[in-house]
Amino acid sequence: MNELPCSMRSPQRIATGYHSTMAPQLLPLLSLVSTLYLVAQGQEQPQPIEEEPITAKNIQLLGGWFSRDPESLEVQTTAKAAVDHFNTQSNARKFFRLINVISAETQVTNMINYRIEVIIGKTKCLKTEHNSDVESCVLGKKRLTCTFEVWFNPRNEKYEITNSSCQKQI
């Protein structure tokens, strides 16, 4: 018997022939479409999109001054270097010692600039008699509140005190 042209074949035979060659490729697509349809039927109303509120943030400005933790190691080290310099420059007969760092700010340029407010106390150790650690000296009663501006060069790890001002505490 002669083969019928394609257009004259029975629909069942065409579907069977189509199904046997295309079904493995269409099965994942049909599965996805039916899943999406079922999910869409389950949603009666569209859910609102939750938006993140806009909040102000403190962002460090490039080259600007920003606050630092007064208790951080780098601030404490810089404050001690400033007090050491203060001791070499002051006309006082006794050493001063760092008591507390009140506040600190830094600015990064080609160096690290510090602006540090500290409380220092006069010790009982005379500059002429004492060459060891100032930290071991007993504190006297006199206290000063000082602001030091310090440049730190990270290339050679040297400190330079550019400005200092102190006032007696009452």
C-alpha atoms as a PDB file:
ATOM      1  CA  MET A   1       0.000   0.000   0.000  1.00  0.00           C
ATOM      2  CA  ASN A   2       1.144   3.455  -0.783  1.00  0.00           C
ATOM      3  CA  GLU A   3       2.067   5.801   1.995  1.00  0.00           C
ATOM      4  CA  LEU A   4      -0.342   8.706   2.456  1.00  0.00           C
ATOM      5  CA  PRO A   5       0.959  12.228   2.196  1.00  0.00           C
ATOM      6  CA  CYS A   6       1.597  13.918   5.500  1.00  0.00           C
ATOM      7  CA  SER A   7      -1.520  16.054   5.325  1.00  0.00           C
ATOM      8  CA  MET A   8      -3.711  13.006   4.953  1.00  0.00           C
ATOM      9  CA  ARG A   9      -2.401  10.976   7.832  1.00  0.00           C
ATOM     10  CA  SER A  10      -4.661  10.444  10.809  1.00  0.00           C
ATOM     11  CA  PRO A  11      -4.390  12.941  13.677  1.00  0.00           C
ATOM     12  CA  GLN A  12      -3.691  10.126  16.103  1.00  0.00           C
ATOM     13  CA  ARG A  13      -0.771   8.916  14.069  1.00  0.00           C
ATOM     14  CA  ILE A  14       0.645  12.450  13.750  1.00  0.00           C
ATOM     15  CA  ALA A  15       0.270  13.095  17.474  1.00  0.00           C
ATOM     16  CA  THR A  16       1.868   9.769  18.299  1.00  0.00           C
ATOM     17  CA  GLY A  17       4.751  10.468  15.967  1.00  0.00           C
ATOM     18  CA  TYR A  18       5.134  13.993  17.344  1.00  0.00           C
ATOM     19  CA  HIS A  19       4.879  12.822  20.932  1.00  0.00           C
ATOM     20  CA  SER A  20       7.530  10.181  20.561  1.00  0.00           C
ATOM     21  CA  THR A  21      10.149  12.568  19.163  1.00  0.00           C
ATOM     22  CA  MET A  22       9.359  15.891  20.929  1.00  0.00           C
ATOM     23  CA  ALA A  23       8.038  14.863  24.361  1.00  0.00           C
ATOM     24  CA  PRO A  24      11.407  14.525  26.100  1.00  0.00           C
ATOM     25  CA  GLN A  25      12.311  18.071  25.039  1.00  0.00           C
ATOM     26  CA  LEU A  26       8.975  19.662  25.966  1.00  0.00           C
ATOM     27  CA  LEU A  27       8.397  17.902  29.264  1.00  0.00           C
ATOM     28  CA  PRO A  28      10.517  20.312  31.402  1.00  0.00           C
ATOM     29  CA  LEU A  29       8.912  23.335  29.728  1.00  0.00           C
ATOM     30  CA  LEU A  30       5.380  22.025  30.248  1.00  0.00           C
ATOM     31  CA  SER A  31       6.213  21.204  33.848  1.00  0.00           C
ATOM     32  CA  LEU A  32       7.469  24.740  34.455  1.00  0.00           C
ATOM     33  CA  VAL A  33       4.445  26.356  32.822  1.00  0.00           C
ATOM     34  CA  SER A  34       2.007  24.249  34.827  1.00  0.00           C
ATOM     35  CA  THR A  35       3.854  24.993  38.082  1.00  0.00           C
ATOM     36  CA  LEU A  36       3.783  28.722  37.379  1.00  0.00           C
ATOM     37  CA  TYR A  37       0.088  28.543  36.565  1.00  0.00           C
ATOM     38  CA  LEU A  38      -0.679  26.761  39.843  1.00  0.00           C
ATOM     39  CA  VAL A  39       1.371  29.257  41.827  1.00  0.00           C
ATOM     40  CA  ALA A  40      -0.377  32.168  40.101  1.00  0.00           C
ATOM     41  CA  GLN A  41      -3.779  30.680  40.920  1.00  0.00           C
ATOM     42  CA  GLY A  42      -2.838  30.488  44.606  1.00  0.00           C
ATOM     43  CA  GLN A  43      -2.132  34.223  44.790  1.00  0.00           C
ATOM     44  CA  GLU A  44      -5.324  36.205  45.017  1.00  0.00           C
ATOM     45  CA  GLN A  45      -3.775  39.651  45.374  1.00  0.00           C
ATOM     46  CA  PRO A  46      -0.318  40.814  44.376  1.00  0.00           C
ATOM     47  CA  GLN A  47       1.997  41.135  47.368  1.00  0.00           C
ATOM     48  CA  PRO A  48       3.464  44.607  47.979  1.00  0.00           C
ATOM     49  CA  ILE A  49       7.178  44.964  47.471  1.00  0.00           C
ATOM     50  CA  GLU A  50       8.956  45.781  50.696  1.00  0.00           C
ATOM     51  CA  GLU A  51      11.313  48.688  50.179  1.00  0.00           C
ATOM     52  CA  GLU A  52      14.313  49.517  52.309  1.00  0.00           C
ATOM     53  CA  PRO A  53      13.863  52.896  54.017  1.00  0.00           C
ATOM     54  CA  ILE A  54      16.335  55.630  53.163  1.00  0.00           C
ATOM     55  CA  THR A  55      18.502  56.490  56.148  1.00  0.00           C
ATOM     56  CA  ALA A  56      21.297  58.977  56.672  1.00  0.00           C
ATOM     57  CA  LYS A  57      24.733  57.418  57.087  1.00  0.00           C
ATOM     58  CA  ASN A  58      27.996  58.902  58.251  1.00  0.00           C
ATOM     59  CA  ILE A  59      30.432  58.287  55.453  1.00  0.00           C
ATOM     60  CA  GLN A  60      34.050  59.258  55.766  1.00  0.00           C
ATOM     61  CA  LEU A  61      34.866  62.080  53.378  1.00  0.00           C
ATOM     62  CA  LEU A  62      38.002  61.584  51.380  1.00  0.00           C
ATOM     63  CA  GLY A  63      40.592  63.908  52.912  1.00  0.00           C
ATOM     64  CA  GLY A  64      38.175  65.077  55.609  1.00  0.00           C
ATOM     65  CA  TRP A  65      38.417  64.889  59.385  1.00  0.00           C
ATOM     66  CA  PHE A  66      36.629  62.022  61.088  1.00  0.00           C
ATOM     67  CA  SER A  67      36.295  60.856  64.691  1.00  0.00           C
ATOM     68  CA  ARG A  68      38.416  58.045  66.070  1.00  0.00           C
ATOM     69  CA  ASP A  69      38.066  55.875  69.140  1.00  0.00           C
ATOM     70  CA  PRO A  70      40.101  57.609  71.888  1.00  0.00           C
ATOM     71  CA  GLU A  71      40.967  54.189  73.346  1.00  0.00           C
ATOM     72  CA  SER A  72      42.415  52.791  70.103  1.00  0.00           C
ATOM     73  CA  LEU A  73      46.075  51.822  70.106  1.00  0.00           C
ATOM     74  CA  GLU A  74      47.042  54.248  67.329  1.00  0.00           C
ATOM     75  CA  VAL A  75      45.401  57.217  69.101  1.00  0.00           C
ATOM     76  CA  GLN A  76      46.991  56.288  72.451  1.00  0.00           C
ATOM     77  CA  THR A  77      50.425  55.910  70.809  1.00  0.00           C
ATOM     78  CA  THR A  78      50.071  59.283  69.071  1.00  0.00           C
ATOM     79  CA  ALA A  79      48.903  60.968  72.295  1.00  0.00           C
ATOM     80  CA  LYS A  80      51.918  59.590  74.198  1.00  0.00           C
ATOM     81  CA  ALA A  81      54.251  60.854  71.458  1.00  0.00           C
ATOM     82  CA  ALA A  82      52.630  64.303  71.760  1.00  0.00           C
ATOM     83  CA  VAL A  83      53.070  64.319  75.566  1.00  0.00           C
ATOM     84  CA  ASP A  84      56.717  63.239  75.185  1.00  0.00           C
ATOM     85  CA  HIS A  85      57.261  66.162  72.819  1.00  0.00           C
ATOM     86  CA  PHE A  86      55.425  68.469  75.245  1.00  0.00           C
ATOM     87  CA  ASN A  87      57.833  67.381  78.005  1.00  0.00           C
ATOM     88  CA  THR A  88      60.881  68.206  75.885  1.00  0.00           C
ATOM     89  CA  GLN A  89      59.511  71.640  74.940  1.00  0.00           C
ATOM     90  CA  SER A  90      58.009  72.805  78.254  1.00  0.00           C
ATOM     91  CA  ASN A  91      59.954  74.806  80.833  1.00  0.00           C
ATOM     92  CA  ALA A  92      58.424  72.830  83.701  1.00  0.00           C
ATOM     93  CA  ARG A  93      60.906  71.184  86.058  1.00  0.00           C
ATOM     94  CA  LYS A  94      58.789  68.038  86.309  1.00  0.00           C
ATOM     95  CA  PHE A  95      57.467  65.613  83.718  1.00  0.00           C
ATOM     96  CA  PHE A  96      53.843  65.460  82.613  1.00  0.00           C
ATOM     97  CA  ARG A  97      52.102  62.166  81.941  1.00  0.00           C
ATOM     98  CA  LEU A  98      49.076  61.226  79.826  1.00  0.00           C
ATOM     99  CA  ILE A  99      45.999  60.591  81.973  1.00  0.00           C
ATOM    100  CA  ASN A 100      43.164  60.384  79.453  1.00  0.00           C
ATOM    101  CA  VAL A 101      42.375  60.945  75.774  1.00  0.00           C
ATOM    102  CA  ILE A 102      39.108  62.904  75.615  1.00  0.00           C
ATOM    103  CA  SER A 103      38.617  62.936  71.841  1.00  0.00           C
ATOM    104  CA  ALA A 104      40.508  62.240  68.648  1.00  0.00           C
ATOM    105  CA  GLU A 105      40.099  62.981  64.954  1.00  0.00           C
ATOM    106  CA  THR A 106      42.212  61.942  61.999  1.00  0.00           C
ATOM    107  CA  GLN A 107      42.647  63.147  58.465  1.00  0.00           C
ATOM    108  CA  VAL A 108      44.426  61.135  55.802  1.00  0.00           C
ATOM    109  CA  THR A 109      46.521  63.105  53.326  1.00  0.00           C
ATOM    110  CA  ASN A 110      50.054  62.235  52.263  1.00  0.00           C
ATOM    111  CA  MET A 111      50.433  61.762  56.044  1.00  0.00           C
ATOM    112  CA  ILE A 112      48.020  60.936  58.845  1.00  0.00           C
ATOM    113  CA  ASN A 113      47.018  64.082  60.720  1.00  0.00           C
ATOM    114  CA  TYR A 114      45.705  63.809  64.270  1.00  0.00           C
ATOM    115  CA  ARG A 115      43.812  66.338  66.364  1.00  0.00           C
ATOM    116  CA  ILE A 116      43.752  64.972  69.910  1.00  0.00           C
ATOM    117  CA  GLU A 117      42.327  66.455  73.102  1.00  0.00           C
ATOM    118  CA  VAL A 118      43.915  65.001  76.246  1.00  0.00           C
ATOM    119  CA  ILE A 119      44.245  65.454  79.981  1.00  0.00           C
ATOM    120  CA  ILE A 120      47.806  65.338  81.253  1.00  0.00           C
ATOM    121  CA  GLY A 121      49.027  65.447  84.815  1.00  0.00           C
ATOM    122  CA  LYS A 122      52.205  66.812  86.363  1.00  0.00           C
ATOM    123  CA  THR A 123      54.279  64.097  88.003  1.00  0.00           C
ATOM    124  CA  LYS A 124      56.623  64.239  90.991  1.00  0.00           C
ATOM    125  CA  CYS A 125      59.592  63.197  88.803  1.00  0.00           C
ATOM    126  CA  LEU A 126      62.123  65.935  88.063  1.00  0.00           C
ATOM    127  CA  LYS A 127      63.424  66.133  84.513  1.00  0.00           C
ATOM    128  CA  THR A 128      66.989  66.485  85.828  1.00  0.00           C
ATOM    129  CA  GLU A 129      66.836  63.330  87.969  1.00  0.00           C
ATOM    130  CA  HIS A 130      64.666  60.968  86.014  1.00  0.00           C
ATOM    131  CA  ASN A 131      65.580  59.238  82.758  1.00  0.00           C
ATOM    132  CA  SER A 132      63.398  56.138  82.953  1.00  0.00           C
ATOM    133  CA  ASP A 133      59.748  55.539  82.096  1.00  0.00           C
ATOM    134  CA  VAL A 134      57.527  58.551  82.854  1.00  0.00           C
ATOM    135  CA  GLU A 135      54.565  56.167  83.232  1.00  0.00           C
ATOM    136  CA  SER A 136      56.041  54.943  86.520  1.00  0.00           C
ATOM    137  CA  CYS A 137      56.164  58.478  87.993  1.00  0.00           C
ATOM    138  CA  VAL A 138      53.677  59.353  90.739  1.00  0.00           C
ATOM    139  CA  LEU A 139      51.151  61.988  89.693  1.00  0.00           C
ATOM    140  CA  GLY A 140      50.870  65.322  91.461  1.00  0.00           C
ATOM    141  CA  LYS A 141      47.715  67.444  91.649  1.00  0.00           C
ATOM    142  CA  LYS A 142      48.188  69.728  88.630  1.00  0.00           C
ATOM    143  CA  ARG A 143      46.182  68.799  85.507  1.00  0.00           C
ATOM    144  CA  LEU A 144      46.144  70.342  82.045  1.00  0.00           C
ATOM    145  CA  THR A 145      43.689  69.927  79.199  1.00  0.00           C
ATOM    146  CA  CYS A 146      45.669  70.012  75.962  1.00  0.00           C
ATOM    147  CA  THR A 147      44.903  69.878  72.269  1.00  0.00           C
ATOM    148  CA  PHE A 148      47.683  68.483  70.090  1.00  0.00           C
ATOM    149  CA  GLU A 149      47.877  68.502  66.317  1.00  0.00           C
ATOM    150  CA  VAL A 150      50.229  65.798  65.155  1.00  0.00           C
ATOM    151  CA  TRP A 151      51.463  64.674  61.752  1.00  0.00           C
ATOM    152  CA  PHE A 152      52.406  61.025  61.454  1.00  0.00           C
ATOM    153  CA  ASN A 153      54.481  59.955  58.472  1.00  0.00           C
ATOM    154  CA  PRO A 154      53.853  56.220  57.921  1.00  0.00           C
ATOM    155  CA  ARG A 155      56.849  55.938  55.564  1.00  0.00           C
ATOM    156  CA  ASN A 156      59.386  56.595  58.303  1.00  0.00           C
ATOM    157  CA  GLU A 157      57.041  56.186  61.319  1.00  0.00           C
ATOM    158  CA  LYS A 158      57.890  59.632  62.708  1.00  0.00           C
ATOM    159  CA  TYR A 159      55.630  62.008  64.596  1.00  0.00           C
ATOM    160  CA  GLU A 160      55.771  65.777  64.266  1.00  0.00           C
ATOM    161  CA  ILE A 161      53.773  67.960  66.647  1.00  0.00           C
ATOM    162  CA  THR A 162      52.582  70.922  64.571  1.00  0.00           C
ATOM    163  CA  ASN A 163      50.485  72.711  67.189  1.00  0.00           C
ATOM    164  CA  SER A 164      49.706  72.412  70.883  1.00  0.00           C
ATOM    165  CA  SER A 165      47.718  74.413  73.381  1.00  0.00           C
ATOM    166  CA  CYS A 166      47.053  73.657  77.044  1.00  0.00           C
ATOM    167  CA  GLN A 167      44.870  75.124  79.780  1.00  0.00           C
ATOM    168  CA  LYS A 168      44.892  74.482  83.512  1.00  0.00           C
ATOM    169  CA  GLN A 169      41.983  72.511  84.864  1.00  0.00           C
ATOM    170  CA  ILE A 170      40.171  74.076  87.760  1.00  0.00           C
END
